Amino acid sequence: MKRWIVVTVSAMLAMMVLGTGQVIAQQAEPAQPNVNVGAAPASAADIALGGVDYWAVVSSTGDTARSRGGESSTRLARGTYEVIFRDDIRQCAYTGTIGSTGFGGPPAPGQITVSGRANDVRGVFVQIYNANGVTADRPFHLLVSC
């Protein structure tokens, strides 16, 4: 039977010694701010530091099932939606995926595209297509990372 020696991270750091006898120190990453639905708007510093995430889960009819920082979602036409957040999100990245609003089976497959909304600096434009490339109403999840 083999014996395994468990060494804690602090003990491992203490054992890592340079030739000069200096201990290598590991610096912890700063904590990221936590943004809640009712929290104050993100500051420019938060956005510049990459510390804000907004998200929305939207039904196929355009209703918001749940969100963080989302103000509204609307179905504009078949397979076409807009989601409005509470802050200017032009300097952020947008990621969308087709996904259920609940805990049942997954929705029908398809493709999703996302882009910043041309007429609103707080908005994301979403288009969804079925497997044949035709616009289709599907529920989706949208993540905005700043």
Protein backbone atom coordinates (compact mmCIF):
# COMPACT_ATOMS: atom_id res chain seq x y z
CA MET A 1 0.00 0.00 0.00
CA LYS A 2 1.40 3.38 -1.00
CA ARG A 3 1.35 6.25 1.40
CA TRP A 4 0.62 9.72 0.16
CA ILE A 5 1.88 12.78 1.90
CA VAL A 6 -0.48 15.72 1.88
CA VAL A 7 1.24 19.07 2.01
CA THR A 8 -0.71 22.28 2.43
CA VAL A 9 -0.18 25.17 0.07
CA SER A 10 1.46 27.25 2.78
CA ALA A 11 3.90 24.44 3.57
CA MET A 12 4.70 24.04 -0.11
CA LEU A 13 5.42 27.76 -0.41
CA ALA A 14 7.68 27.58 2.61
CA MET A 15 9.63 24.72 1.03
CA MET A 16 10.11 26.58 -2.26
CA VAL A 17 13.38 28.36 -1.57
CA LEU A 18 15.60 30.10 -4.09
CA GLY A 19 19.37 29.59 -4.06
CA THR A 20 19.70 32.80 -2.05
CA GLY A 21 17.48 31.44 0.70
CA GLN A 22 14.54 33.69 -0.20
CA VAL A 23 11.07 32.18 0.00
CA ILE A 24 8.96 32.55 -3.12
CA ALA A 25 5.75 34.33 -2.19
CA GLN A 26 2.48 34.02 -4.05
CA GLN A 27 0.34 37.13 -4.27
CA ALA A 28 -3.41 36.64 -4.04
CA GLU A 29 -5.60 38.15 -6.76
CA PRO A 30 -7.78 41.07 -5.65
CA ALA A 31 -11.43 40.24 -5.08
CA GLN A 32 -13.80 41.16 -7.91
CA PRO A 33 -16.76 43.37 -7.03
CA ASN A 34 -20.07 41.56 -6.71
CA VAL A 35 -22.86 43.18 -8.70
CA ASN A 36 -26.40 42.42 -7.55
CA VAL A 37 -29.65 43.27 -9.29
CA GLY A 38 -30.39 46.08 -6.84
CA ALA A 39 -26.81 47.35 -6.58
CA ALA A 40 -25.67 50.80 -7.63
CA PRO A 41 -24.58 51.21 -11.26
CA ALA A 42 -21.06 50.11 -12.11
CA SER A 43 -18.43 52.81 -12.04
CA ALA A 44 -16.06 53.45 -14.93
CA ALA A 45 -13.28 52.04 -12.72
CA ASP A 46 -15.22 48.78 -12.20
CA ILE A 47 -15.70 48.38 -15.93
CA ALA A 48 -12.07 49.29 -16.71
CA LEU A 49 -10.84 46.67 -14.23
CA GLY A 50 -13.03 43.95 -15.67
CA GLY A 51 -15.07 43.57 -12.52
CA VAL A 52 -18.67 43.62 -13.73
CA ASP A 53 -20.86 40.89 -15.21
CA TYR A 54 -24.45 41.33 -16.27
CA TRP A 55 -26.67 38.55 -17.52
CA ALA A 56 -30.20 37.75 -18.54
CA VAL A 57 -32.22 34.60 -19.15
CA VAL A 58 -34.96 35.37 -21.67
CA SER A 59 -37.94 33.30 -22.81
CA SER A 60 -38.83 32.68 -26.45
CA THR A 61 -41.56 35.34 -26.11
CA GLY A 62 -39.02 37.95 -24.96
CA ASP A 63 -39.90 37.96 -21.26
CA THR A 64 -37.05 38.15 -18.75
CA ALA A 65 -37.06 35.00 -16.61
CA ARG A 66 -34.24 36.30 -14.38
CA SER A 67 -31.29 38.67 -14.69
CA ARG A 68 -28.48 40.59 -13.02
CA GLY A 69 -28.41 44.22 -14.08
CA GLY A 70 -31.05 43.72 -16.76
CA GLU A 71 -33.77 46.34 -17.12
CA SER A 72 -35.85 44.86 -19.93
CA SER A 73 -36.01 42.32 -22.72
CA THR A 74 -38.24 42.47 -25.77
CA ARG A 75 -39.04 40.22 -28.72
CA LEU A 76 -38.83 42.58 -31.72
CA ALA A 77 -39.75 40.06 -34.43
CA ARG A 78 -39.51 36.32 -35.00
CA GLY A 79 -36.14 35.23 -33.55
CA THR A 80 -35.09 38.85 -32.92
CA TYR A 81 -34.70 40.32 -29.43
CA GLU A 82 -33.16 43.21 -27.55
CA VAL A 83 -31.99 43.15 -23.94
CA ILE A 84 -31.39 46.43 -22.12
CA PHE A 85 -29.07 46.61 -19.09
CA ARG A 86 -28.78 49.40 -16.54
CA ASP A 87 -25.35 50.71 -17.63
CA ASP A 88 -23.46 51.64 -20.78
CA ILE A 89 -22.03 48.30 -21.97
CA ARG A 90 -20.21 49.39 -25.14
CA GLN A 91 -16.82 48.38 -23.70
CA CYS A 92 -18.00 44.89 -22.76
CA ALA A 93 -18.10 41.46 -24.41
CA TYR A 94 -21.42 39.78 -25.22
CA THR A 95 -21.97 36.01 -25.22
CA GLY A 96 -25.27 34.31 -25.99
CA THR A 97 -26.45 30.72 -25.99
CA ILE A 98 -29.77 29.06 -26.68
CA GLY A 99 -30.96 27.71 -23.33
CA SER A 100 -34.07 26.95 -21.33
CA THR A 101 -35.45 29.35 -18.76
CA GLY A 102 -36.27 26.48 -16.39
CA PHE A 103 -35.06 23.04 -15.46
CA GLY A 104 -36.77 20.92 -18.13
CA GLY A 105 -35.26 19.59 -21.32
CA PRO A 106 -33.19 21.76 -23.64
CA PRO A 107 -34.84 23.84 -26.39
CA ALA A 108 -34.54 22.92 -30.07
CA PRO A 109 -31.05 23.46 -31.49
CA GLY A 110 -30.10 26.49 -33.52
CA GLN A 111 -27.66 29.36 -33.80
CA ILE A 112 -27.49 32.66 -31.95
CA THR A 113 -25.78 35.95 -32.80
CA VAL A 114 -25.28 38.93 -30.49
CA SER A 115 -24.12 42.52 -30.99
CA GLY A 116 -24.30 45.88 -29.28
CA ARG A 117 -27.58 47.68 -29.90
CA ALA A 118 -27.04 50.53 -32.38
CA ASN A 119 -29.68 52.81 -30.86
CA ASP A 120 -28.97 52.21 -27.13
CA VAL A 121 -25.54 52.05 -25.43
CA ARG A 122 -27.10 49.82 -22.75
CA GLY A 123 -28.54 47.26 -25.16
CA VAL A 124 -27.66 43.99 -26.87
CA PHE A 125 -29.30 42.86 -30.10
CA VAL A 126 -29.90 39.08 -30.32
CA GLN A 127 -30.91 37.01 -33.35
CA ILE A 128 -31.68 33.30 -33.22
CA TYR A 129 -31.92 30.87 -36.15
CA ASN A 130 -33.12 27.27 -36.33
CA ALA A 131 -30.92 24.46 -37.67
CA ASN A 132 -31.96 25.43 -41.24
CA GLY A 133 -30.86 29.06 -40.85
CA VAL A 134 -34.37 30.54 -40.57
CA THR A 135 -35.10 32.99 -37.72
CA ALA A 136 -36.83 31.18 -34.86
CA ASP A 137 -38.08 32.02 -31.40
CA ARG A 138 -35.96 30.27 -28.78
CA PRO A 139 -35.20 30.98 -25.10
CA PHE A 140 -31.64 32.15 -24.49
CA HIS A 141 -29.02 33.11 -21.93
CA LEU A 142 -27.01 36.29 -22.42
CA LEU A 143 -23.79 37.18 -20.56
CA VAL A 144 -22.24 40.65 -20.71
CA SER A 145 -18.71 40.76 -19.28
CA CYS A 146 -17.03 44.09 -18.65
